[in-house]
N, C-alpha and C. Protein backbone atom coordinates (compact mmCIF):
# COMPACT_ATOMS: atom_id res chain seq x y z
N UNK A 1 183.06 105.73 -36.80
CA UNK A 1 182.99 107.19 -35.61
C UNK A 1 184.18 106.16 -34.72
N UNK A 2 184.94 107.79 -35.01
CA UNK A 2 185.66 107.28 -33.72
C UNK A 2 185.50 108.29 -32.54
N UNK A 3 185.59 107.72 -31.23
CA UNK A 3 185.72 108.07 -29.48
C UNK A 3 185.65 109.08 -28.41
N UNK A 4 185.97 109.80 -30.01
CA UNK A 4 186.25 111.03 -29.47
C UNK A 4 184.18 112.03 -29.56
N UNK A 5 183.81 111.46 -30.82
CA UNK A 5 182.75 112.26 -31.18
C UNK A 5 181.66 111.71 -30.76
N UNK A 6 181.74 110.08 -30.03
CA UNK A 6 180.62 109.46 -29.60
C UNK A 6 180.75 109.77 -27.85
N UNK A 7 181.96 110.62 -27.57
CA UNK A 7 181.94 110.44 -26.06
C UNK A 7 181.00 112.77 -25.74
N UNK A 8 181.50 112.71 -27.16
CA UNK A 8 180.83 113.70 -27.00
C UNK A 8 179.23 113.20 -26.96
N UNK A 9 178.49 113.15 -28.19
CA UNK A 9 177.17 112.54 -28.13
C UNK A 9 177.04 111.95 -27.04
N UNK A 10 177.76 111.14 -26.43
CA UNK A 10 177.07 110.35 -24.88
C UNK A 10 177.37 111.92 -23.38
N UNK A 11 177.45 112.45 -24.06
CA UNK A 11 176.87 113.63 -23.08
C UNK A 11 176.79 114.49 -23.19
N UNK A 12 176.20 114.51 -24.43
CA UNK A 12 175.64 115.74 -24.65
C UNK A 12 174.01 115.45 -24.64
N UNK A 13 173.68 114.14 -25.31
CA UNK A 13 172.51 112.95 -24.63
C UNK A 13 172.62 112.83 -23.43
N UNK A 14 173.37 112.34 -22.47
CA UNK A 14 173.37 112.56 -20.65
C UNK A 14 173.04 114.50 -20.69
N UNK A 15 172.82 114.89 -20.84
CA UNK A 15 172.35 116.79 -20.69
C UNK A 15 171.26 116.60 -21.15
N UNK A 16 170.66 115.94 -21.72
CA UNK A 16 170.10 116.59 -22.29
C UNK A 16 168.27 115.54 -21.33
N UNK A 17 169.13 113.95 -21.35
CA UNK A 17 168.30 113.48 -20.99
C UNK A 17 168.17 113.39 -19.47
N UNK A 18 169.10 113.90 -18.37
CA UNK A 18 168.84 114.79 -17.54
C UNK A 18 167.46 115.30 -16.71
N UNK A 19 167.41 116.07 -17.56
CA UNK A 19 166.67 117.60 -17.62
C UNK A 19 165.27 117.45 -17.89
N UNK A 20 164.23 117.73 -16.48
CA UNK A 20 163.35 117.17 -17.14
C UNK A 20 162.21 117.11 -17.68
N UNK A 21 161.74 116.95 -18.80
CA UNK A 21 160.56 117.25 -20.08
C UNK A 21 159.41 116.27 -19.48
N UNK A 22 158.34 116.10 -20.27
CA UNK A 22 156.27 115.61 -19.30
C UNK A 22 157.49 114.21 -20.12
N UNK A 23 158.31 113.60 -20.65
CA UNK A 23 158.21 112.08 -20.30
C UNK A 23 158.83 111.87 -19.31
N UNK A 24 159.47 112.68 -18.57
CA UNK A 24 160.18 112.11 -16.53
C UNK A 24 158.76 112.20 -15.12
N UNK A 25 157.65 113.41 -16.14
CA UNK A 25 157.24 113.93 -15.08
C UNK A 25 155.80 113.07 -15.29
N UNK A 26 156.13 112.31 -15.95
CA UNK A 26 154.88 111.64 -15.90
C UNK A 26 155.13 110.13 -15.53
N UNK A 27 156.01 109.60 -15.96
CA UNK A 27 156.76 108.01 -15.61
C UNK A 27 156.83 108.58 -13.82
N UNK A 28 157.86 109.64 -12.51
CA UNK A 28 158.03 109.40 -11.82
C UNK A 28 156.38 109.80 -11.32
N UNK A 29 155.04 110.97 -11.60
CA UNK A 29 153.83 110.92 -11.24
C UNK A 29 153.26 109.08 -11.46
N UNK A 30 153.29 108.54 -12.64
CA UNK A 30 153.05 107.08 -12.65
C UNK A 30 153.70 106.70 -11.31
N UNK A 31 154.84 106.37 -11.21
CA UNK A 31 155.48 105.52 -10.38
C UNK A 31 155.11 105.82 -9.11
N UNK A 32 154.84 106.55 -9.20
CA UNK A 32 154.97 107.33 -7.55
C UNK A 32 153.32 106.91 -6.87
N UNK A 33 153.13 107.27 -7.68
CA UNK A 33 151.21 106.11 -7.52
C UNK A 33 150.76 104.76 -7.85
N UNK A 34 152.31 104.40 -8.35
CA UNK A 34 151.46 102.56 -8.57
C UNK A 34 152.78 102.10 -8.20
N UNK A 35 154.04 102.75 -7.66
CA UNK A 35 155.38 101.78 -6.63
C UNK A 35 156.44 101.89 -8.09
N UNK A 36 156.91 100.12 -7.80
CA UNK A 36 158.02 99.86 -7.87
C UNK A 36 157.77 98.86 -9.66
N UNK A 37 155.89 98.42 -8.72
CA UNK A 37 155.90 97.22 -9.94
C UNK A 37 155.00 98.26 -11.62
N UNK A 38 155.63 99.93 -11.70
CA UNK A 38 155.27 100.14 -12.32
C UNK A 38 156.46 100.71 -13.07
N UNK A 39 157.87 100.47 -13.01
CA UNK A 39 158.65 100.28 -13.52
C UNK A 39 159.16 99.89 -14.85
N UNK A 40 158.81 98.32 -15.21
CA UNK A 40 159.20 98.12 -16.51
C UNK A 40 157.92 98.51 -17.07
N UNK A 41 156.73 98.31 -17.04
CA UNK A 41 155.71 99.54 -18.60
C UNK A 41 155.80 100.48 -19.13
N UNK A 42 156.39 101.38 -18.39
CA UNK A 42 156.94 102.80 -18.68
C UNK A 42 157.99 103.34 -18.74
N UNK A 43 159.40 101.94 -18.43
CA UNK A 43 160.05 102.38 -19.59
C UNK A 43 160.33 101.83 -20.39
N UNK A 44 159.54 100.81 -20.75
CA UNK A 44 159.68 100.08 -21.87
C UNK A 44 158.70 101.04 -22.76
N UNK A 45 157.64 101.58 -22.56
CA UNK A 45 156.86 102.77 -23.37
C UNK A 45 157.99 103.78 -23.63
N UNK A 46 158.75 104.46 -22.72
CA UNK A 46 159.74 105.48 -22.77
C UNK A 46 160.28 105.11 -23.99
N UNK A 47 160.94 104.00 -24.03
CA UNK A 47 161.90 102.90 -25.53
C UNK A 47 161.10 102.94 -25.91
N UNK A 48 160.27 102.52 -26.94
CA UNK A 48 159.03 102.09 -27.74
C UNK A 48 158.75 103.62 -28.23
N UNK A 49 159.08 104.49 -27.43
CA UNK A 49 158.30 106.04 -28.31
C UNK A 49 159.68 106.93 -28.68
N UNK A 50 160.21 106.44 -27.65
CA UNK A 50 162.31 106.78 -28.40
C UNK A 50 162.13 107.04 -29.56
N UNK A 51 162.00 105.17 -29.90
CA UNK A 51 162.26 104.46 -31.22
C UNK A 51 161.59 104.81 -31.95
N UNK A 52 160.27 105.26 -31.55
CA UNK A 52 159.48 105.28 -32.43
C UNK A 52 159.78 107.19 -33.03
N UNK A 53 159.77 108.04 -31.99
CA UNK A 53 159.90 109.03 -32.63
C UNK A 53 161.25 109.50 -34.13
N UNK A 54 162.48 108.23 -33.07
CA UNK A 54 163.60 108.46 -33.87
C UNK A 54 163.57 108.24 -35.00
N UNK A 55 162.90 107.10 -35.50
CA UNK A 55 162.15 106.41 -36.98
C UNK A 55 161.69 107.49 -37.77
N UNK A 56 160.66 108.31 -36.81
CA UNK A 56 160.19 109.05 -38.03
C UNK A 56 161.17 110.28 -38.49
N UNK A 57 161.46 110.74 -37.31
CA UNK A 57 162.58 111.88 -38.24
C UNK A 57 163.74 111.35 -39.49
N UNK A 58 164.27 109.55 -38.95
CA UNK A 58 164.88 108.91 -39.67
C UNK A 58 163.81 109.71 -41.48
N UNK A 59 162.80 108.84 -41.38
CA UNK A 59 162.30 109.04 -42.59
C UNK A 59 161.51 109.96 -43.64
N UNK A 60 161.77 111.04 -42.74
CA UNK A 60 162.07 112.52 -43.13
C UNK A 60 161.43 113.74 -42.41
N UNK A 61 159.83 113.43 -41.11
CA UNK A 61 158.57 113.33 -41.01
C UNK A 61 159.78 114.51 -39.54
N UNK A 62 161.11 114.51 -38.54
CA UNK A 62 161.27 115.47 -38.26
C UNK A 62 161.52 117.02 -39.57
N UNK A 63 161.83 116.39 -40.42
CA UNK A 63 161.66 117.63 -41.58
C UNK A 63 161.55 118.35 -41.68
N UNK A 64 159.99 118.01 -42.80
CA UNK A 64 158.49 118.06 -42.38
C UNK A 64 158.05 118.79 -41.38
N UNK A 65 158.49 118.44 -40.16
CA UNK A 65 157.64 119.38 -38.77
C UNK A 65 158.30 120.66 -38.53
N UNK A 66 159.51 120.59 -38.63
CA UNK A 66 160.54 121.58 -39.30
C UNK A 66 159.93 123.04 -39.87
N UNK A 67 159.53 122.42 -41.35
CA UNK A 67 159.18 122.59 -41.85
C UNK A 67 157.88 124.05 -42.05
N UNK A 68 156.42 122.97 -41.54
CA UNK A 68 155.04 122.96 -41.05
C UNK A 68 154.52 123.28 -40.16
N UNK A 69 154.58 124.53 -40.20
CA UNK A 69 154.33 125.06 -38.47
C UNK A 69 152.54 123.97 -38.02
N UNK A 70 151.48 124.15 -39.12
CA UNK A 70 150.46 123.68 -39.31
C UNK A 70 150.45 121.34 -38.49
N UNK A 71 151.32 121.31 -39.57
CA UNK A 71 151.28 119.81 -38.91
C UNK A 71 152.03 119.61 -36.98
N UNK A 72 153.18 120.21 -37.41
CA UNK A 72 154.23 120.71 -36.07
C UNK A 72 153.19 121.21 -34.97
N UNK A 73 152.02 121.98 -34.79
CA UNK A 73 151.20 122.54 -33.83
C UNK A 73 149.97 120.84 -33.99
N UNK A 74 149.40 120.86 -34.90
CA UNK A 74 148.59 119.38 -34.83
C UNK A 74 149.45 118.59 -34.36
N UNK A 75 150.56 118.23 -34.28
CA UNK A 75 151.00 117.50 -33.44
C UNK A 75 151.56 117.58 -32.40
N UNK A 76 151.56 119.05 -31.59
CA UNK A 76 151.86 119.45 -30.51
C UNK A 76 149.83 119.49 -29.52
N UNK A 77 149.96 119.98 -30.10
CA UNK A 77 148.17 119.78 -29.66
C UNK A 77 147.27 118.25 -29.44
N UNK A 78 148.23 117.36 -29.34
CA UNK A 78 147.50 115.62 -29.74
C UNK A 78 147.91 115.05 -28.36
N UNK A 79 149.57 115.52 -28.05
CA UNK A 79 150.37 115.90 -26.71
C UNK A 79 149.87 116.52 -26.03
N UNK A 80 149.38 118.12 -26.15
CA UNK A 80 149.14 118.58 -25.32
C UNK A 80 147.96 117.95 -24.09
N UNK A 81 146.56 117.54 -25.25
CA UNK A 81 145.04 117.12 -24.64
C UNK A 81 145.68 115.95 -23.64
N UNK A 82 146.18 115.11 -24.61
CA UNK A 82 146.57 114.10 -23.75
C UNK A 82 147.12 113.82 -22.61
N UNK A 83 148.44 114.64 -22.14
CA UNK A 83 148.89 114.98 -21.43
C UNK A 83 148.15 115.84 -20.33
N UNK A 84 147.10 116.46 -20.65
CA UNK A 84 145.50 116.90 -19.65
C UNK A 84 145.12 116.12 -19.46
N UNK A 85 144.71 114.62 -20.18
CA UNK A 85 143.79 113.65 -19.45
C UNK A 85 144.87 112.55 -18.71
N UNK A 86 145.63 112.82 -19.08
CA UNK A 86 146.99 112.13 -18.06
C UNK A 86 146.01 112.31 -16.54
N UNK A 87 146.51 114.33 -16.84
CA UNK A 87 146.68 115.36 -15.55
C UNK A 87 144.89 115.02 -14.51
N UNK A 88 144.38 114.76 -15.67
CA UNK A 88 143.14 114.54 -14.02
C UNK A 88 142.85 113.26 -14.89
N UNK A 89 143.30 112.72 -14.89
CA UNK A 89 142.90 111.60 -14.28
C UNK A 89 143.58 110.90 -13.54
N UNK A 90 145.01 111.20 -13.34
CA UNK A 90 145.83 111.48 -12.20
C UNK A 90 145.60 111.92 -10.88
N UNK A 91 144.35 112.41 -10.39
CA UNK A 91 144.64 113.69 -10.04
C UNK A 91 143.37 113.47 -9.30
N UNK A 92 142.66 113.19 -9.93
CA UNK A 92 141.78 112.28 -9.39
C UNK A 92 141.31 110.58 -8.95
N UNK A 93 142.64 110.02 -9.33
CA UNK A 93 142.76 109.51 -9.01
C UNK A 93 142.07 108.06 -7.40
N UNK A 94 141.53 106.81 -7.56
CA UNK A 94 140.41 106.39 -6.62
C UNK A 94 141.33 105.90 -5.64
N UNK A 95 141.82 105.95 -4.34
CA UNK A 95 142.59 105.34 -3.35
C UNK A 95 142.30 104.59 -1.91
N UNK A 96 142.41 103.26 -2.45
CA UNK A 96 142.32 101.91 -1.28
C UNK A 96 142.45 102.78 -0.36
N UNK A 97 141.41 102.65 0.67
CA UNK A 97 142.23 102.71 1.93
C UNK A 97 143.16 101.71 2.53
N UNK A 98 142.80 100.13 2.04
CA UNK A 98 143.19 99.46 2.39
C UNK A 98 145.06 98.64 1.69
N UNK A 99 145.36 97.93 1.03
CA UNK A 99 146.18 97.53 0.35
C UNK A 99 147.33 98.71 -0.46
N UNK A 100 148.23 99.02 -0.23
CA UNK A 100 148.65 99.84 -1.07
C UNK A 100 148.74 98.59 -2.83
N UNK A 101 148.38 97.96 -2.94
CA UNK A 101 149.12 97.43 -3.92
C UNK A 101 147.41 97.29 -5.37
N UNK A 102 146.46 97.25 -4.02
CA UNK A 102 145.06 97.21 -4.95
C UNK A 102 144.56 98.65 -5.04
N UNK A 103 145.04 99.70 -4.93
CA UNK A 103 144.54 101.05 -5.45
C UNK A 103 143.67 101.58 -5.84
N UNK A 104 144.65 100.73 -7.62
CA UNK A 104 143.96 101.35 -8.71
C UNK A 104 144.42 100.29 -9.84
N UNK A 105 142.31 100.65 -10.79
CA UNK A 105 142.79 99.74 -11.89
C UNK A 105 143.86 100.18 -12.55
N UNK A 106 143.79 101.16 -13.13
CA UNK A 106 144.93 101.06 -13.71
C UNK A 106 146.13 101.25 -13.70
N UNK A 107 146.45 100.01 -12.21
CA UNK A 107 148.67 100.31 -13.16
C UNK A 107 147.72 98.94 -13.83
N UNK A 108 147.58 98.66 -14.66
CA UNK A 108 147.60 97.69 -15.14
C UNK A 108 148.88 98.09 -16.54
N UNK A 109 150.05 97.18 -17.00
CA UNK A 109 151.33 97.08 -17.41
C UNK A 109 150.38 97.45 -18.43
N UNK A 110 149.60 97.05 -19.41
CA UNK A 110 149.64 98.46 -20.92
C UNK A 110 148.86 99.26 -20.77
N UNK A 111 148.32 99.88 -19.63
CA UNK A 111 147.81 101.01 -19.09
C UNK A 111 148.79 102.01 -18.98
N UNK A 112 149.73 100.99 -18.08
CA UNK A 112 151.32 102.15 -18.22
C UNK A 112 152.23 102.87 -19.33
N UNK A 113 152.13 101.53 -19.44
CA UNK A 113 152.87 100.98 -21.26
C UNK A 113 152.74 101.94 -22.17
N UNK A 114 151.59 102.43 -22.05
CA UNK A 114 150.62 103.39 -23.85
C UNK A 114 151.13 104.39 -23.25
N UNK A 115 150.31 104.83 -21.65
CA UNK A 115 150.92 106.46 -21.60
C UNK A 115 152.21 106.99 -21.73
N UNK A 116 152.81 106.03 -21.12
CA UNK A 116 154.66 106.81 -21.48
C UNK A 116 154.91 106.64 -22.60
N UNK A 117 154.14 106.13 -23.98
CA UNK A 117 154.73 106.08 -24.66
C UNK A 117 154.32 106.89 -25.76
N UNK A 118 152.45 107.34 -26.21
CA UNK A 118 151.98 108.00 -26.26
C UNK A 118 152.91 109.70 -26.04
N UNK A 119 153.03 109.83 -24.44
CA UNK A 119 154.02 111.15 -24.14
C UNK A 119 154.82 111.54 -25.05
N UNK A 120 155.76 109.90 -24.87
CA UNK A 120 157.07 110.46 -25.02
C UNK A 120 157.04 110.30 -27.18
N UNK A 121 156.25 110.02 -27.90
CA UNK A 121 156.08 110.13 -28.68
C UNK A 121 155.49 111.00 -29.79
N UNK A 122 154.51 111.24 -29.42
CA UNK A 122 153.90 113.16 -29.09
C UNK A 122 154.04 113.95 -29.66
N UNK A 123 155.41 113.40 -28.77
CA UNK A 123 156.23 114.25 -28.06
C UNK A 123 156.94 115.54 -29.58
N UNK A 124 156.37 116.65 -30.16
CA UNK A 124 157.07 117.09 -31.73
C UNK A 124 158.43 118.05 -31.57
N UNK A 125 158.68 118.18 -30.85
CA UNK A 125 160.29 118.56 -30.25
C UNK A 125 161.01 117.84 -30.67
N UNK A 126 160.95 116.15 -29.97
CA UNK A 126 162.08 115.24 -29.60
C UNK A 126 162.06 115.26 -31.68
N UNK A 127 160.76 115.03 -32.28
CA UNK A 127 160.51 114.63 -33.49
C UNK A 127 162.26 115.20 -34.72
N UNK A 128 161.71 116.86 -34.25
CA UNK A 128 162.72 117.65 -34.69
C UNK A 128 163.83 117.46 -34.20
N UNK A 129 163.78 117.33 -32.49
CA UNK A 129 165.46 117.60 -32.01
C UNK A 129 166.53 116.19 -33.07
N UNK A 130 165.70 115.02 -33.10
CA UNK A 130 166.27 114.33 -33.54
C UNK A 130 167.16 114.38 -35.23
N UNK A 131 166.54 115.22 -35.61
CA UNK A 131 166.74 115.12 -37.43
C UNK A 131 167.81 115.92 -37.33
N UNK A 132 167.87 116.55 -36.40
CA UNK A 132 168.42 117.87 -36.36
C UNK A 132 169.80 117.44 -34.88
N UNK A 133 169.88 116.53 -34.90
CA UNK A 133 171.19 116.43 -33.45
C UNK A 133 171.22 114.88 -33.73
N UNK A 134 171.25 113.76 -34.16
CA UNK A 134 172.59 112.93 -34.61
C UNK A 134 172.88 113.17 -35.94
N UNK A 135 172.61 114.26 -36.58
CA UNK A 135 173.33 114.08 -38.50
C UNK A 135 174.36 114.55 -37.71
N UNK A 136 174.91 115.97 -36.71
CA UNK A 136 175.56 116.60 -36.44
C UNK A 136 176.93 115.99 -36.59
N UNK A 137 176.91 114.09 -35.55
CA UNK A 137 177.71 113.35 -34.62
C UNK A 137 178.08 112.27 -35.94
N UNK A 138 177.63 112.55 -37.37
CA UNK A 138 177.56 112.10 -38.38
C UNK A 138 178.61 111.84 -39.06
N UNK A 139 179.30 110.94 -39.77
CA UNK A 139 180.57 111.22 -40.56
C UNK A 139 180.53 110.51 -41.97
N UNK A 140 180.04 112.39 -43.20
CA UNK A 140 180.21 111.68 -43.93
C UNK A 140 180.05 111.08 -45.27
N UNK A 141 182.05 111.06 -44.26
CA UNK A 141 182.68 109.87 -45.28
C UNK A 141 183.12 108.67 -45.14
N UNK A 142 181.87 108.15 -43.85
CA UNK A 142 181.91 107.01 -43.48
C UNK A 142 180.85 106.14 -44.22
N UNK A 143 180.44 104.81 -43.52
CA UNK A 143 179.18 103.36 -44.15
C UNK A 143 178.34 104.29 -42.71
N UNK A 144 176.77 104.91 -43.48
CA UNK A 144 175.80 105.73 -43.15
C UNK A 144 175.62 104.75 -40.91
N UNK A 145 175.08 103.88 -42.21
CA UNK A 145 174.25 102.56 -41.46
C UNK A 145 175.19 102.37 -39.51
N UNK A 146 176.90 101.65 -40.17
CA UNK A 146 177.02 101.38 -38.58
C UNK A 146 176.77 102.25 -37.37
N UNK A 147 176.91 103.62 -38.62
CA UNK A 147 177.21 104.67 -37.51
C UNK A 147 176.06 105.23 -36.30
N UNK A 148 174.82 105.01 -37.33
CA UNK A 148 173.37 105.83 -36.56
C UNK A 148 173.13 104.53 -35.77
N UNK A 149 173.74 103.40 -35.92
CA UNK A 149 172.91 101.94 -35.30
C UNK A 149 173.50 102.33 -34.64
N UNK A 150 174.99 102.60 -34.12
CA UNK A 150 176.41 103.01 -33.00
C UNK A 150 175.06 104.07 -31.78
N UNK A 151 174.91 105.42 -32.43
CA UNK A 151 174.53 106.53 -32.24
C UNK A 151 172.53 105.87 -31.93
N UNK A 152 172.27 104.63 -32.38
CA UNK A 152 170.95 104.10 -31.90
C UNK A 152 170.68 104.33 -30.20
N UNK A 153 171.86 103.02 -30.73
CA UNK A 153 171.37 101.78 -30.01
C UNK A 153 172.90 102.62 -28.36
N UNK A 154 172.83 103.84 -28.34
CA UNK A 154 173.66 104.38 -26.78
C UNK A 154 172.30 105.79 -26.43
N UNK A 155 172.30 106.73 -27.73
CA UNK A 155 170.53 107.53 -27.15
C UNK A 155 169.90 105.83 -26.45
N UNK A 156 169.54 105.15 -26.39
CA UNK A 156 168.64 104.42 -26.34
C UNK A 156 168.90 103.22 -25.47
N UNK A 157 170.25 103.15 -24.27
CA UNK A 157 171.26 102.80 -24.11
C UNK A 157 170.98 103.65 -22.71
N UNK A 158 170.99 105.25 -22.96
CA UNK A 158 171.60 106.70 -21.78
C UNK A 158 169.78 106.69 -21.35
N UNK A 159 168.91 105.89 -22.43
CA UNK A 159 167.61 106.99 -22.28
C UNK A 159 167.40 105.66 -21.39
N UNK A 160 167.01 104.65 -21.32
CA UNK A 160 167.32 103.66 -20.32
C UNK A 160 167.11 103.03 -18.70
N UNK A 161 168.05 103.74 -18.65
CA UNK A 161 169.31 104.08 -17.60
C UNK A 161 168.86 105.88 -16.77
N UNK A 162 168.40 106.46 -17.17
CA UNK A 162 167.33 107.11 -16.71
C UNK A 162 166.58 107.41 -16.10
N UNK A 163 165.65 106.85 -17.05
CA UNK A 163 164.63 106.44 -16.47
C UNK A 163 164.13 105.51 -16.55
N UNK A 164 165.21 104.43 -16.45
CA UNK A 164 164.63 103.65 -14.56
C UNK A 164 165.08 104.25 -13.77
N UNK A 165 166.20 105.30 -13.19
CA UNK A 165 166.06 105.81 -12.08
C UNK A 165 165.59 106.57 -11.75
N UNK A 166 164.24 107.20 -12.38
CA UNK A 166 163.65 108.15 -11.61
C UNK A 166 162.74 107.37 -11.41
N UNK A 167 162.45 106.77 -12.57
CA UNK A 167 161.22 105.56 -11.56
C UNK A 167 161.35 104.47 -10.55
N UNK A 168 162.75 104.06 -9.62
CA UNK A 168 162.72 103.47 -9.35
C UNK A 168 162.84 104.24 -8.32
N UNK A 169 163.30 105.04 -7.86
CA UNK A 169 163.63 106.47 -7.21
C UNK A 169 161.56 106.71 -7.01
N UNK A 170 161.38 106.94 -7.82
CA UNK A 170 159.69 107.94 -7.23
C UNK A 170 159.12 106.35 -7.16
N UNK A 171 159.03 105.67 -7.70
CA UNK A 171 158.51 103.96 -6.80
C UNK A 171 158.25 103.25 -5.74
N UNK A 172 160.20 103.40 -5.85
CA UNK A 172 160.38 103.65 -3.69
C UNK A 172 159.99 104.64 -2.85
N UNK A 173 160.19 105.41 -3.89
CA UNK A 173 159.15 106.61 -2.25
C UNK A 173 157.74 106.77 -1.80
N UNK A 174 156.63 106.48 -3.51
CA UNK A 174 155.25 105.83 -3.45
C UNK A 174 155.46 103.89 -2.39
N UNK A 175 155.78 103.06 -2.45
CA UNK A 175 155.59 102.57 -1.96
C UNK A 175 155.87 102.53 0.21
N UNK A 176 157.03 102.90 0.31
CA UNK A 176 158.08 103.74 1.44
C UNK A 176 156.57 104.87 2.17
N UNK A 177 155.70 104.50 1.90
CA UNK A 177 154.98 106.25 2.51
C UNK A 177 153.62 105.18 1.50
N UNK A 178 152.61 105.18 2.99
CA UNK A 178 151.84 104.05 3.14
C UNK A 178 150.15 104.43 2.82
N UNK A 179 150.31 105.60 4.10
CA UNK A 179 148.92 106.17 4.84
C UNK A 179 148.48 106.41 3.30
N UNK A 180 146.72 106.72 3.12
CA UNK A 180 145.60 107.18 2.97
C UNK A 180 146.23 108.87 2.45
N UNK A 181 146.57 109.76 3.00
CA UNK A 181 146.33 110.93 2.90
C UNK A 181 147.69 111.40 2.07
N UNK A 182 148.58 110.76 2.25
CA UNK A 182 149.61 111.06 1.37
C UNK A 182 149.78 110.33 0.10
N UNK A 183 148.84 108.80 -0.10
CA UNK A 183 148.91 108.54 -1.36
C UNK A 183 147.95 109.46 -2.03
N UNK A 184 146.87 109.91 -1.38
CA UNK A 184 145.83 110.86 -1.98
C UNK A 184 146.81 112.09 -2.52
N UNK A 185 147.59 112.68 -2.13
CA UNK A 185 148.60 114.11 -2.27
C UNK A 185 148.93 113.50 -3.30
N UNK A 186 150.47 112.51 -3.15
CA UNK A 186 151.08 111.70 -4.73
C UNK A 186 149.46 111.80 -5.60
N UNK A 187 148.82 111.27 -5.91
CA UNK A 187 148.37 111.40 -6.83
C UNK A 187 147.58 113.37 -7.53
N UNK A 188 147.70 113.72 -6.48
CA UNK A 188 147.22 115.84 -6.43
C UNK A 188 148.62 115.91 -7.07
N UNK A 189 149.55 115.23 -6.98
CA UNK A 189 151.10 115.74 -6.99
C UNK A 189 151.52 115.29 -8.04
N UNK A 190 150.78 114.39 -8.56
CA UNK A 190 151.42 113.61 -10.12
C UNK A 190 150.37 114.60 -11.25
N UNK A 191 149.16 114.66 -10.98
CA UNK A 191 148.57 115.26 -11.81
C UNK A 191 148.48 116.55 -11.61
N UNK A 192 149.06 117.45 -11.23
CA UNK A 192 149.42 118.36 -10.94
C UNK A 192 150.09 119.33 -12.02
N UNK A 193 151.25 118.10 -11.68
CA UNK A 193 152.81 118.10 -12.84
C UNK A 193 152.24 117.96 -13.90
N UNK A 194 151.48 116.89 -14.35
CA UNK A 194 151.39 116.40 -15.32
C UNK A 194 150.42 117.80 -16.81
N UNK A 195 149.62 118.56 -15.64
CA UNK A 195 148.97 119.48 -16.62
C UNK A 195 150.48 120.52 -16.60
N UNK A 196 151.02 120.66 -15.55
CA UNK A 196 152.39 121.57 -15.36
C UNK A 196 152.37 121.40 -17.06
N UNK A 197 152.87 119.64 -17.27
CA UNK A 197 153.94 119.80 -18.75
C UNK A 197 152.82 120.30 -20.17
N UNK A 198 151.54 119.76 -19.22
CA UNK A 198 151.28 119.49 -20.98
C UNK A 198 150.90 121.24 -21.00
N UNK A 199 151.22 122.05 -20.39
CA UNK A 199 150.95 123.63 -19.78
C UNK A 199 152.56 124.04 -20.80
N UNK A 200 153.44 123.23 -20.70
CA UNK A 200 154.73 123.57 -21.63
C UNK A 200 155.26 123.47 -22.22
N UNK A 201 154.35 121.80 -23.21
CA UNK A 201 154.49 121.59 -24.03
C UNK A 201 153.80 122.89 -24.76
N UNK A 202 152.17 122.97 -24.46
CA UNK A 202 151.73 123.75 -25.19
C UNK A 202 152.41 124.98 -25.46
N UNK A 203 153.38 125.14 -25.53
CA UNK A 203 154.32 126.71 -24.79
C UNK A 203 155.24 126.52 -26.50
N UNK A 204 155.04 124.76 -26.26
CA UNK A 204 156.49 125.28 -27.70
C UNK A 204 156.17 125.72 -28.73
N UNK A 205 157.71 126.20 -29.31
CA UNK A 205 157.38 126.34 -31.37
C UNK A 205 157.75 126.43 -31.65
N UNK A 206 158.11 126.43 -33.18
CA UNK A 206 158.51 124.69 -34.30
C UNK A 206 159.01 127.24 -34.81
N UNK A 207 160.36 126.33 -34.24
CA UNK A 207 161.61 126.97 -34.37
C UNK A 207 162.77 126.57 -34.12
């Protein structure tokens, strides 16, 4: 793989990652509610979800989803239902009036990792995107494994930097504002954003 192709790939992925989608909305709303301690499990969940989506694409599921509207719709609505669940749960999350770190039991790392992973992995557009996007940067006359390894590592690195930046920003903002009413509104804002993300996901078409 020559440097020009790799740079074009990095530029395309950077633009793709910067544009807020369901995953970015999720991690920001969760970080806003739970603070900087949520950064690692959220980022880990997103990376695991992207790796899963890429693996499924490379195994052929992306092509199947692109061809099968029924399977695409099933996977899409699984993601929509989960986003609605998270949105309602975040909107009505209990807020303690004392210490910020005691706000809610839902801030455990496993729960945060799971939510980030499922929202990322259940997005059928991402799976279809990978199967349509990655081959454009692969030279059929060169060895496949080294090329796909470079692309996957580059993609995951860019995603990690992007999601970490979003999450740290939201986490720091959430920890600096300590008032009970502000934290309650953070939950409402985050829940509403997740419900909006579910509506956006529901509007996805298999095209």
